[in-house]
Amino acid sequence: MQNQDISKIGESYANIFQEIAKNIQDAIHQMTNAFHETFYEAMQEIQVRTNQPVTAFSDALDELPDELRPTIRKLSSRSWYISADMDIPLLRTLDEEIKISEEAVDKIMSEWVFDNIKEIVKRAKERYPERKEIIDAAFWAHNNKKYELSIPILLIQVDGMGDEKFNFNKRSLYSKNKSEGRDKTIIEEKTDNYIKNHGSLTELFLMQLREKSGLIVSSEESANYPDAINRHNIIHGINTEYATQLNSLKAFSLMEYFISFFSDEDFSTKTTGQA
């Protein structure tokens, strides 16, 4: 991690981040490879392993979400989704590239998904074994350039994974709950308490499905997101020009994002006693 990057978080935290950067990356990696370990437990492990004061460490982490939030929002606007297997330096590289050219990010993200696609498929099948044949079909379609098939299959499966995880009662992963004057997506309501107990860094990683993006907006609004894949337009046959390799890789990044950050966590409304 570059000193000039670290300085953005705060000059007083530079030395701290130089020593704990590897631990942060390891913890994020563990979120994917150690399915039994929650993100919060991984962050606790970092605190145990670092010799720096926990309060200073915590303060430094609190500032990280604000720095990376604009980058992640721009990724969402192009229907690219982060993975628990990515490290923070990669996110910083994306941040720098977005400032130069948002299109340049397509190349970085495409290469990352392409290089990791076999692992993405493997993880998806391990976590959702009953969907193995369908995921294999999407992978086959992608490899054989049948993007007309791979993209809707993946979008539908992420919907199904969401219903399996959160029990949406036949509603979509992106449906809004407008009862009692509320206008939040169901997934926002399901994860609000979890974020309250686990902090702003967790909120940063979950924000791509919690916030409005080109993937989930209405047909009318989708024109404002020309570089995104819009679930409604594709699933309902409105968009007939979606079938590209780029969009298929984006759909795989969405599936990887969901299985990275949502599949293995407990988002129940119970409290954990953590501030």
C-alpha atoms as a PDB file:
ATOM      1  CA  MET A   1       0.000   0.000   0.000  1.00  0.00           C
ATOM      2  CA  GLN A   2       1.484   3.346  -1.014  1.00  0.00           C
ATOM      3  CA  ASN A   3       2.204   6.014   1.614  1.00  0.00           C
ATOM      4  CA  GLN A   4       0.473   8.603  -0.549  1.00  0.00           C
ATOM      5  CA  ASP A   5      -2.646   6.428  -0.518  1.00  0.00           C
ATOM      6  CA  ILE A   6      -2.470   5.921   3.210  1.00  0.00           C
ATOM      7  CA  SER A   7      -2.173   9.623   3.780  1.00  0.00           C
ATOM      8  CA  LYS A   8      -5.681  10.057   2.457  1.00  0.00           C
ATOM      9  CA  ILE A   9      -6.977   8.282   5.549  1.00  0.00           C
ATOM     10  CA  GLY A  10      -4.993  10.508   7.830  1.00  0.00           C
ATOM     11  CA  GLU A  11      -1.337  11.255   8.309  1.00  0.00           C
ATOM     12  CA  SER A  12      -1.476  10.132  11.905  1.00  0.00           C
ATOM     13  CA  TYR A  13      -2.528   6.640  10.833  1.00  0.00           C
ATOM     14  CA  ALA A  14       0.176   6.104   8.206  1.00  0.00           C
ATOM     15  CA  ASN A  15       2.431   3.949  10.339  1.00  0.00           C
ATOM     16  CA  ILE A  16      -0.494   1.951  11.658  1.00  0.00           C
ATOM     17  CA  PHE A  17      -1.770   1.105   8.200  1.00  0.00           C
ATOM     18  CA  GLN A  18       1.657   0.118   6.940  1.00  0.00           C
ATOM     19  CA  GLU A  19       1.815  -2.554   9.626  1.00  0.00           C
ATOM     20  CA  ILE A  20      -1.783  -3.805   9.454  1.00  0.00           C
ATOM     21  CA  ALA A  21      -2.432  -3.591   5.690  1.00  0.00           C
ATOM     22  CA  LYS A  22      -1.476  -7.207   5.132  1.00  0.00           C
ATOM     23  CA  ASN A  23      -3.686  -8.276   8.023  1.00  0.00           C
ATOM     24  CA  ILE A  24      -6.651  -6.452   6.475  1.00  0.00           C
ATOM     25  CA  GLN A  25      -6.062  -8.138   3.128  1.00  0.00           C
ATOM     26  CA  ASP A  26      -5.719 -11.536   4.798  1.00  0.00           C
ATOM     27  CA  ALA A  27      -8.983 -11.043   6.665  1.00  0.00           C
ATOM     28  CA  ILE A  28     -10.862 -10.136   3.499  1.00  0.00           C
ATOM     29  CA  HIS A  29      -9.392 -13.185   1.788  1.00  0.00           C
ATOM     30  CA  GLN A  30     -10.451 -15.354   4.719  1.00  0.00           C
ATOM     31  CA  MET A  31     -14.041 -14.239   4.254  1.00  0.00           C
ATOM     32  CA  THR A  32     -14.091 -16.231   1.040  1.00  0.00           C
ATOM     33  CA  ASN A  33     -11.920 -19.185   1.984  1.00  0.00           C
ATOM     34  CA  ALA A  34     -13.112 -19.771   5.560  1.00  0.00           C
ATOM     35  CA  PHE A  35     -16.862 -20.031   5.230  1.00  0.00           C
ATOM     36  CA  HIS A  36     -17.383 -20.588   8.950  1.00  0.00           C
ATOM     37  CA  GLU A  37     -15.780 -17.276   9.878  1.00  0.00           C
ATOM     38  CA  THR A  38     -17.889 -14.116   9.799  1.00  0.00           C
ATOM     39  CA  PHE A  39     -16.503 -10.817   8.619  1.00  0.00           C
ATOM     40  CA  TYR A  40     -16.758  -9.435  12.124  1.00  0.00           C
ATOM     41  CA  GLU A  41     -14.735 -12.340  13.515  1.00  0.00           C
ATOM     42  CA  ALA A  42     -12.083 -11.714  10.873  1.00  0.00           C
ATOM     43  CA  MET A  43     -11.858  -8.071  11.901  1.00  0.00           C
ATOM     44  CA  GLN A  44     -11.581  -9.123  15.546  1.00  0.00           C
ATOM     45  CA  GLU A  45      -8.659 -11.342  14.604  1.00  0.00           C
ATOM     46  CA  ILE A  46      -6.863  -8.375  13.061  1.00  0.00           C
ATOM     47  CA  GLN A  47      -7.296  -6.425  16.276  1.00  0.00           C
ATOM     48  CA  VAL A  48      -5.766  -9.274  18.250  1.00  0.00           C
ATOM     49  CA  ARG A  49      -2.844  -9.619  15.822  1.00  0.00           C
ATOM     50  CA  THR A  50      -1.887  -5.942  15.708  1.00  0.00           C
ATOM     51  CA  ASN A  51       0.221  -4.405  18.464  1.00  0.00           C
ATOM     52  CA  GLN A  52      -1.184  -0.932  17.886  1.00  0.00           C
ATOM     53  CA  PRO A  53      -3.821   0.505  20.198  1.00  0.00           C
ATOM     54  CA  VAL A  54      -7.246  -0.839  19.298  1.00  0.00           C
ATOM     55  CA  THR A  55      -8.820   2.600  19.488  1.00  0.00           C
ATOM     56  CA  ALA A  56      -6.428   4.088  16.937  1.00  0.00           C
ATOM     57  CA  PHE A  57      -6.915   1.073  14.681  1.00  0.00           C
ATOM     58  CA  SER A  58     -10.692   1.407  14.918  1.00  0.00           C
ATOM     59  CA  ASP A  59     -10.597   5.140  14.155  1.00  0.00           C
ATOM     60  CA  ALA A  60      -8.482   4.517  11.070  1.00  0.00           C
ATOM     61  CA  LEU A  61     -10.900   1.864   9.799  1.00  0.00           C
ATOM     62  CA  ASP A  62     -13.816   4.219  10.352  1.00  0.00           C
ATOM     63  CA  GLU A  63     -12.372   6.638   7.809  1.00  0.00           C
ATOM     64  CA  LEU A  64     -11.769   4.018   5.139  1.00  0.00           C
ATOM     65  CA  PRO A  65     -15.432   3.652   4.044  1.00  0.00           C
ATOM     66  CA  ASP A  66     -15.797   7.350   3.254  1.00  0.00           C
ATOM     67  CA  GLU A  67     -12.708   7.197   1.061  1.00  0.00           C
ATOM     68  CA  LEU A  68     -13.805   4.176  -0.967  1.00  0.00           C
ATOM     69  CA  ARG A  69     -17.556   4.838  -1.087  1.00  0.00           C
ATOM     70  CA  PRO A  70     -17.530   6.983  -4.289  1.00  0.00           C
ATOM     71  CA  THR A  71     -15.475   4.339  -6.087  1.00  0.00           C
ATOM     72  CA  ILE A  72     -17.862   1.555  -5.170  1.00  0.00           C
ATOM     73  CA  ARG A  73     -20.851   3.643  -6.224  1.00  0.00           C
ATOM     74  CA  LYS A  74     -19.267   4.232  -9.626  1.00  0.00           C
ATOM     75  CA  LEU A  75     -18.618   0.510  -9.964  1.00  0.00           C
ATOM     76  CA  SER A  76     -22.306  -0.098  -9.245  1.00  0.00           C
ATOM     77  CA  SER A  77     -23.297   2.425 -11.910  1.00  0.00           C
ATOM     78  CA  ARG A  78     -21.501   0.220 -14.456  1.00  0.00           C
ATOM     79  CA  SER A  79     -22.808  -3.030 -12.874  1.00  0.00           C
ATOM     80  CA  TRP A  80     -19.461  -4.144 -11.528  1.00  0.00           C
ATOM     81  CA  TYR A  81     -19.459  -5.716  -8.078  1.00  0.00           C
ATOM     82  CA  ILE A  82     -16.627  -6.189  -5.621  1.00  0.00           C
ATOM     83  CA  SER A  83     -15.594  -9.499  -4.091  1.00  0.00           C
ATOM     84  CA  ALA A  84     -14.381 -10.510  -0.647  1.00  0.00           C
ATOM     85  CA  ASP A  85     -11.417 -11.974  -2.494  1.00  0.00           C
ATOM     86  CA  MET A  86     -10.278  -8.521  -3.665  1.00  0.00           C
ATOM     87  CA  ASP A  87      -7.761  -6.570  -1.607  1.00  0.00           C
ATOM     88  CA  ILE A  88      -7.848  -2.903  -0.709  1.00  0.00           C
ATOM     89  CA  PRO A  89      -4.941  -1.936  -3.005  1.00  0.00           C
ATOM     90  CA  LEU A  90      -7.010  -3.210  -5.958  1.00  0.00           C
ATOM     91  CA  LEU A  91      -9.909  -1.012  -4.867  1.00  0.00           C
ATOM     92  CA  ARG A  92      -7.505   1.920  -4.704  1.00  0.00           C
ATOM     93  CA  THR A  93      -6.284   1.152  -8.214  1.00  0.00           C
ATOM     94  CA  LEU A  94      -9.875   1.170  -9.410  1.00  0.00           C
ATOM     95  CA  ASP A  95     -10.383   4.487  -7.627  1.00  0.00           C
ATOM     96  CA  GLU A  96      -7.469   6.035  -9.505  1.00  0.00           C
ATOM     97  CA  GLU A  97      -8.584   4.616 -12.854  1.00  0.00           C
ATOM     98  CA  ILE A  98     -12.154   5.850 -12.403  1.00  0.00           C
ATOM     99  CA  LYS A  99     -10.841   9.383 -11.960  1.00  0.00           C
ATOM    100  CA  ILE A 100      -9.085   9.090 -15.328  1.00  0.00           C
ATOM    101  CA  SER A 101     -11.667   7.109 -17.300  1.00  0.00           C
ATOM    102  CA  GLU A 102     -14.595   5.062 -16.063  1.00  0.00           C
ATOM    103  CA  GLU A 103     -14.291   2.885 -19.170  1.00  0.00           C
ATOM    104  CA  ALA A 104     -10.768   1.918 -18.071  1.00  0.00           C
ATOM    105  CA  VAL A 105     -12.341   0.173 -15.094  1.00  0.00           C
ATOM    106  CA  ASP A 106     -14.084  -2.244 -17.454  1.00  0.00           C
ATOM    107  CA  LYS A 107     -10.719  -3.657 -18.461  1.00  0.00           C
ATOM    108  CA  ILE A 108      -9.499  -4.127 -14.884  1.00  0.00           C
ATOM    109  CA  MET A 109     -12.736  -5.690 -13.682  1.00  0.00           C
ATOM    110  CA  SER A 110     -13.133  -7.865 -16.776  1.00  0.00           C
ATOM    111  CA  GLU A 111      -9.655  -9.257 -16.300  1.00  0.00           C
ATOM    112  CA  TRP A 112     -10.243  -9.892 -12.610  1.00  0.00           C
ATOM    113  CA  VAL A 113     -13.497 -11.778 -13.212  1.00  0.00           C
ATOM    114  CA  PHE A 114     -12.020 -13.659 -16.176  1.00  0.00           C
ATOM    115  CA  ASP A 115      -9.012 -14.758 -14.115  1.00  0.00           C
ATOM    116  CA  ASN A 116     -11.179 -15.827 -11.173  1.00  0.00           C
ATOM    117  CA  ILE A 117     -14.272 -17.159 -12.920  1.00  0.00           C
ATOM    118  CA  LYS A 118     -13.569 -20.829 -12.185  1.00  0.00           C
ATOM    119  CA  GLU A 119     -13.213 -20.067  -8.487  1.00  0.00           C
ATOM    120  CA  ILE A 120     -16.378 -17.945  -8.603  1.00  0.00           C
ATOM    121  CA  VAL A 121     -18.319 -20.849 -10.090  1.00  0.00           C
ATOM    122  CA  LYS A 122     -16.792 -23.284  -7.602  1.00  0.00           C
ATOM    123  CA  ARG A 123     -17.721 -21.105  -4.613  1.00  0.00           C
ATOM    124  CA  ALA A 124     -21.261 -20.619  -5.913  1.00  0.00           C
ATOM    125  CA  LYS A 125     -21.782 -24.363  -6.286  1.00  0.00           C
ATOM    126  CA  GLU A 126     -20.313 -25.083  -2.851  1.00  0.00           C
ATOM    127  CA  ARG A 127     -22.623 -22.612  -1.157  1.00  0.00           C
ATOM    128  CA  TYR A 128     -25.685 -23.460  -3.257  1.00  0.00           C
ATOM    129  CA  PRO A 129     -25.273 -27.142  -4.227  1.00  0.00           C
ATOM    130  CA  GLU A 130     -28.915 -27.449  -5.258  1.00  0.00           C
ATOM    131  CA  ARG A 131     -28.175 -24.867  -7.992  1.00  0.00           C
ATOM    132  CA  LYS A 132     -25.074 -26.655  -9.261  1.00  0.00           C
ATOM    133  CA  GLU A 133     -26.503 -27.737 -12.632  1.00  0.00           C
ATOM    134  CA  ILE A 134     -27.957 -24.304 -13.337  1.00  0.00           C
ATOM    135  CA  ILE A 135     -24.703 -22.533 -12.458  1.00  0.00           C
ATOM    136  CA  ASP A 136     -22.805 -25.004 -14.639  1.00  0.00           C
ATOM    137  CA  ALA A 137     -25.215 -24.216 -17.478  1.00  0.00           C
ATOM    138  CA  ALA A 138     -24.545 -20.492 -17.106  1.00  0.00           C
ATOM    139  CA  PHE A 139     -20.792 -21.142 -17.117  1.00  0.00           C
ATOM    140  CA  TRP A 140     -21.104 -23.339 -20.219  1.00  0.00           C
ATOM    141  CA  ALA A 141     -23.154 -20.667 -21.974  1.00  0.00           C
ATOM    142  CA  HIS A 142     -20.579 -18.014 -21.115  1.00  0.00           C
ATOM    143  CA  ASN A 143     -17.663 -20.139 -22.331  1.00  0.00           C
ATOM    144  CA  ASN A 144     -19.514 -20.854 -25.558  1.00  0.00           C
ATOM    145  CA  LYS A 145     -20.392 -17.195 -26.102  1.00  0.00           C
ATOM    146  CA  LYS A 146     -24.095 -17.796 -25.534  1.00  0.00           C
ATOM    147  CA  TYR A 147     -24.427 -14.637 -23.501  1.00  0.00           C
ATOM    148  CA  GLU A 148     -28.161 -14.480 -24.267  1.00  0.00           C
ATOM    149  CA  LEU A 149     -28.395 -17.433 -21.878  1.00  0.00           C
ATOM    150  CA  SER A 150     -25.657 -16.863 -19.301  1.00  0.00           C
ATOM    151  CA  ILE A 151     -26.762 -13.383 -18.259  1.00  0.00           C
ATOM    152  CA  PRO A 152     -30.454 -14.012 -17.458  1.00  0.00           C
ATOM    153  CA  ILE A 153     -29.587 -17.336 -15.803  1.00  0.00           C
ATOM    154  CA  LEU A 154     -27.169 -15.594 -13.444  1.00  0.00           C
ATOM    155  CA  LEU A 155     -29.548 -12.722 -12.672  1.00  0.00           C
ATOM    156  CA  ILE A 156     -32.349 -15.180 -11.889  1.00  0.00           C
ATOM    157  CA  GLN A 157     -30.094 -17.323  -9.704  1.00  0.00           C
ATOM    158  CA  VAL A 158     -28.952 -14.355  -7.618  1.00  0.00           C
ATOM    159  CA  ASP A 159     -32.625 -13.540  -7.084  1.00  0.00           C
ATOM    160  CA  GLY A 160     -33.195 -17.106  -5.959  1.00  0.00           C
ATOM    161  CA  MET A 161     -30.172 -17.062  -3.675  1.00  0.00           C
ATOM    162  CA  GLY A 162     -31.526 -13.901  -2.094  1.00  0.00           C
ATOM    163  CA  ASP A 163     -34.918 -15.474  -1.497  1.00  0.00           C
ATOM    164  CA  GLU A 164     -33.259 -18.552  -0.006  1.00  0.00           C
ATOM    165  CA  LYS A 165     -31.128 -16.401   2.281  1.00  0.00           C
ATOM    166  CA  PHE A 166     -33.730 -13.852   3.363  1.00  0.00           C
ATOM    167  CA  ASN A 167     -37.102 -15.544   2.740  1.00  0.00           C
ATOM    168  CA  PHE A 168     -38.616 -12.714   0.725  1.00  0.00           C
ATOM    169  CA  ASN A 169     -41.965 -14.494   0.385  1.00  0.00           C
ATOM    170  CA  LYS A 170     -42.032 -14.490  -3.438  1.00  0.00           C
ATOM    171  CA  ARG A 171     -40.742 -10.940  -3.729  1.00  0.00           C
ATOM    172  CA  SER A 172     -37.534  -9.951  -5.459  1.00  0.00           C
ATOM    173  CA  LEU A 173     -34.179  -9.341  -3.810  1.00  0.00           C
ATOM    174  CA  TYR A 174     -34.686  -5.700  -4.773  1.00  0.00           C
ATOM    175  CA  SER A 175     -38.350  -5.232  -3.792  1.00  0.00           C
ATOM    176  CA  LYS A 176     -39.235  -2.346  -1.531  1.00  0.00           C
ATOM    177  CA  ASN A 177     -41.181  -2.595   1.692  1.00  0.00           C
ATOM    178  CA  LYS A 178     -43.484   0.412   1.735  1.00  0.00           C
ATOM    179  CA  SER A 179     -45.566  -0.661   4.695  1.00  0.00           C
ATOM    180  CA  GLU A 180     -45.889   1.714   7.634  1.00  0.00           C
ATOM    181  CA  GLY A 181     -44.466   4.560   5.570  1.00  0.00           C
ATOM    182  CA  ARG A 182     -41.143   2.794   4.902  1.00  0.00           C
ATOM    183  CA  ASP A 183     -39.506   2.928   1.497  1.00  0.00           C
ATOM    184  CA  LYS A 184     -36.509   0.630   1.926  1.00  0.00           C
ATOM    185  CA  THR A 185     -35.614  -2.411  -0.072  1.00  0.00           C
ATOM    186  CA  ILE A 186     -36.170  -5.601   1.872  1.00  0.00           C
ATOM    187  CA  ILE A 187     -32.465  -6.289   1.878  1.00  0.00           C
ATOM    188  CA  GLU A 188     -31.841  -2.888   3.488  1.00  0.00           C
ATOM    189  CA  GLU A 189     -34.206  -3.747   6.293  1.00  0.00           C
ATOM    190  CA  LYS A 190     -32.668  -7.189   6.706  1.00  0.00           C
ATOM    191  CA  THR A 191     -29.145  -5.792   7.040  1.00  0.00           C
ATOM    192  CA  ASP A 192     -29.712  -2.503   8.921  1.00  0.00           C
ATOM    193  CA  ASN A 193     -29.316  -4.026  12.368  1.00  0.00           C
ATOM    194  CA  TYR A 194     -26.328  -6.103  11.291  1.00  0.00           C
ATOM    195  CA  ILE A 195     -24.517  -2.991  10.091  1.00  0.00           C
ATOM    196  CA  LYS A 196     -25.411  -1.153  13.283  1.00  0.00           C
ATOM    197  CA  ASN A 197     -23.665  -3.887  15.261  1.00  0.00           C
ATOM    198  CA  HIS A 198     -20.669  -4.346  12.965  1.00  0.00           C
ATOM    199  CA  GLY A 199     -19.726  -0.844  11.864  1.00  0.00           C
ATOM    200  CA  SER A 200     -19.181   1.325   8.826  1.00  0.00           C
ATOM    201  CA  LEU A 201     -16.644  -0.930   7.114  1.00  0.00           C
ATOM    202  CA  THR A 202     -19.264  -3.672   6.920  1.00  0.00           C
ATOM    203  CA  GLU A 203     -21.753  -1.169   5.516  1.00  0.00           C
ATOM    204  CA  LEU A 204     -19.226  -0.263   2.820  1.00  0.00           C
ATOM    205  CA  PHE A 205     -19.031  -3.846   1.598  1.00  0.00           C
ATOM    206  CA  LEU A 206     -22.811  -4.375   1.679  1.00  0.00           C
ATOM    207  CA  MET A 207     -23.797  -1.080   0.054  1.00  0.00           C
ATOM    208  CA  GLN A 208     -23.902  -2.314  -3.541  1.00  0.00           C
ATOM    209  CA  LEU A 209     -27.135  -4.245  -3.017  1.00  0.00           C
ATOM    210  CA  ARG A 210     -28.526  -1.828  -0.454  1.00  0.00           C
ATOM    211  CA  GLU A 211     -28.291   1.305  -2.570  1.00  0.00           C
ATOM    212  CA  LYS A 212     -29.991   2.349  -5.792  1.00  0.00           C
ATOM    213  CA  SER A 213     -28.064   1.282  -8.895  1.00  0.00           C
ATOM    214  CA  GLY A 214     -28.475   0.627 -12.600  1.00  0.00           C
ATOM    215  CA  LEU A 215     -29.162  -3.041 -11.871  1.00  0.00           C
ATOM    216  CA  ILE A 216     -32.349  -2.451  -9.922  1.00  0.00           C
ATOM    217  CA  VAL A 217     -33.901   0.795 -11.187  1.00  0.00           C
ATOM    218  CA  SER A 218     -37.102   0.854 -13.229  1.00  0.00           C
ATOM    219  CA  SER A 219     -37.157   0.740 -17.022  1.00  0.00           C
ATOM    220  CA  GLU A 220     -37.785   4.476 -17.091  1.00  0.00           C
ATOM    221  CA  GLU A 221     -34.739   5.212 -14.962  1.00  0.00           C
ATOM    222  CA  SER A 222     -32.460   2.698 -16.676  1.00  0.00           C
ATOM    223  CA  ALA A 223     -31.640   5.228 -19.415  1.00  0.00           C
ATOM    224  CA  ASN A 224     -29.648   7.102 -16.761  1.00  0.00           C
ATOM    225  CA  TYR A 225     -27.365   4.060 -16.428  1.00  0.00           C
ATOM    226  CA  PRO A 226     -26.323   3.281 -20.029  1.00  0.00           C
ATOM    227  CA  ASP A 227     -23.354   1.159 -18.932  1.00  0.00           C
ATOM    228  CA  ALA A 228     -25.282  -1.040 -16.490  1.00  0.00           C
ATOM    229  CA  ILE A 229     -27.175  -4.284 -16.863  1.00  0.00           C
ATOM    230  CA  ASN A 230     -30.754  -3.705 -15.764  1.00  0.00           C
ATOM    231  CA  ARG A 231     -32.387  -6.772 -14.283  1.00  0.00           C
ATOM    232  CA  HIS A 232     -35.962  -5.796 -15.145  1.00  0.00           C
ATOM    233  CA  ASN A 233     -35.214  -4.948 -18.778  1.00  0.00           C
ATOM    234  CA  ILE A 234     -33.364  -8.219 -19.362  1.00  0.00           C
ATOM    235  CA  ILE A 235     -35.626 -10.628 -17.455  1.00  0.00           C
ATOM    236  CA  HIS A 236     -38.806  -9.143 -18.954  1.00  0.00           C
ATOM    237  CA  GLY A 237     -37.501  -9.048 -22.519  1.00  0.00           C
ATOM    238  CA  ILE A 238     -37.364  -5.283 -22.885  1.00  0.00           C
ATOM    239  CA  ASN A 239     -33.637  -5.129 -23.638  1.00  0.00           C
ATOM    240  CA  THR A 240     -32.676  -7.377 -26.552  1.00  0.00           C
ATOM    241  CA  GLU A 241     -29.130  -6.056 -26.948  1.00  0.00           C
ATOM    242  CA  TYR A 242     -27.636  -7.124 -23.640  1.00  0.00           C
ATOM    243  CA  ALA A 243     -25.836 -10.256 -24.872  1.00  0.00           C
ATOM    244  CA  THR A 244     -22.157  -9.292 -24.693  1.00  0.00           C
ATOM    245  CA  GLN A 245     -19.149 -10.864 -23.034  1.00  0.00           C
ATOM    246  CA  LEU A 246     -18.699  -7.728 -20.939  1.00  0.00           C
ATOM    247  CA  ASN A 247     -22.227  -7.946 -19.550  1.00  0.00           C
ATOM    248  CA  SER A 248     -21.838 -11.659 -18.867  1.00  0.00           C
ATOM    249  CA  LEU A 249     -18.693 -10.968 -16.839  1.00  0.00           C
ATOM    250  CA  LYS A 250     -20.631  -8.290 -14.953  1.00  0.00           C
ATOM    251  CA  ALA A 251     -23.322 -10.849 -14.124  1.00  0.00           C
ATOM    252  CA  PHE A 252     -20.675 -13.222 -12.782  1.00  0.00           C
ATOM    253  CA  SER A 253     -19.293 -10.371 -10.662  1.00  0.00           C
ATOM    254  CA  LEU A 254     -22.787  -9.867  -9.222  1.00  0.00           C
ATOM    255  CA  MET A 255     -23.066 -13.533  -8.267  1.00  0.00           C
ATOM    256  CA  GLU A 256     -19.584 -13.458  -6.726  1.00  0.00           C
ATOM    257  CA  TYR A 257     -20.503 -10.337  -4.766  1.00  0.00           C
ATOM    258  CA  PHE A 258     -23.610 -11.953  -3.323  1.00  0.00           C
ATOM    259  CA  ILE A 259     -21.919 -15.180  -2.316  1.00  0.00           C
ATOM    260  CA  SER A 260     -18.948 -13.209  -0.900  1.00  0.00           C
ATOM    261  CA  PHE A 261     -20.785 -10.836   1.369  1.00  0.00           C
ATOM    262  CA  PHE A 262     -24.321 -12.119   1.891  1.00  0.00           C
ATOM    263  CA  SER A 263     -24.535 -15.893   1.645  1.00  0.00           C
ATOM    264  CA  ASP A 264     -22.580 -16.896   4.741  1.00  0.00           C
ATOM    265  CA  GLU A 265     -23.554 -14.142   7.163  1.00  0.00           C
ATOM    266  CA  ASP A 266     -26.282 -14.058   9.783  1.00  0.00           C
ATOM    267  CA  PHE A 267     -28.439 -10.994   9.099  1.00  0.00           C
ATOM    268  CA  SER A 268     -31.134 -11.849  11.611  1.00  0.00           C
ATOM    269  CA  THR A 269     -32.572  -9.062  13.731  1.00  0.00           C
ATOM    270  CA  LYS A 270     -31.031 -10.385  16.928  1.00  0.00           C
ATOM    271  CA  THR A 271     -28.413  -8.167  18.523  1.00  0.00           C
ATOM    272  CA  THR A 272     -24.859  -9.308  19.019  1.00  0.00           C
ATOM    273  CA  GLY A 273     -23.948  -6.970  21.817  1.00  0.00           C
ATOM    274  CA  GLN A 274     -21.386  -5.188  19.636  1.00  0.00           C
ATOM    275  CA  ALA A 275     -21.363  -1.417  19.328  1.00  0.00           C
END
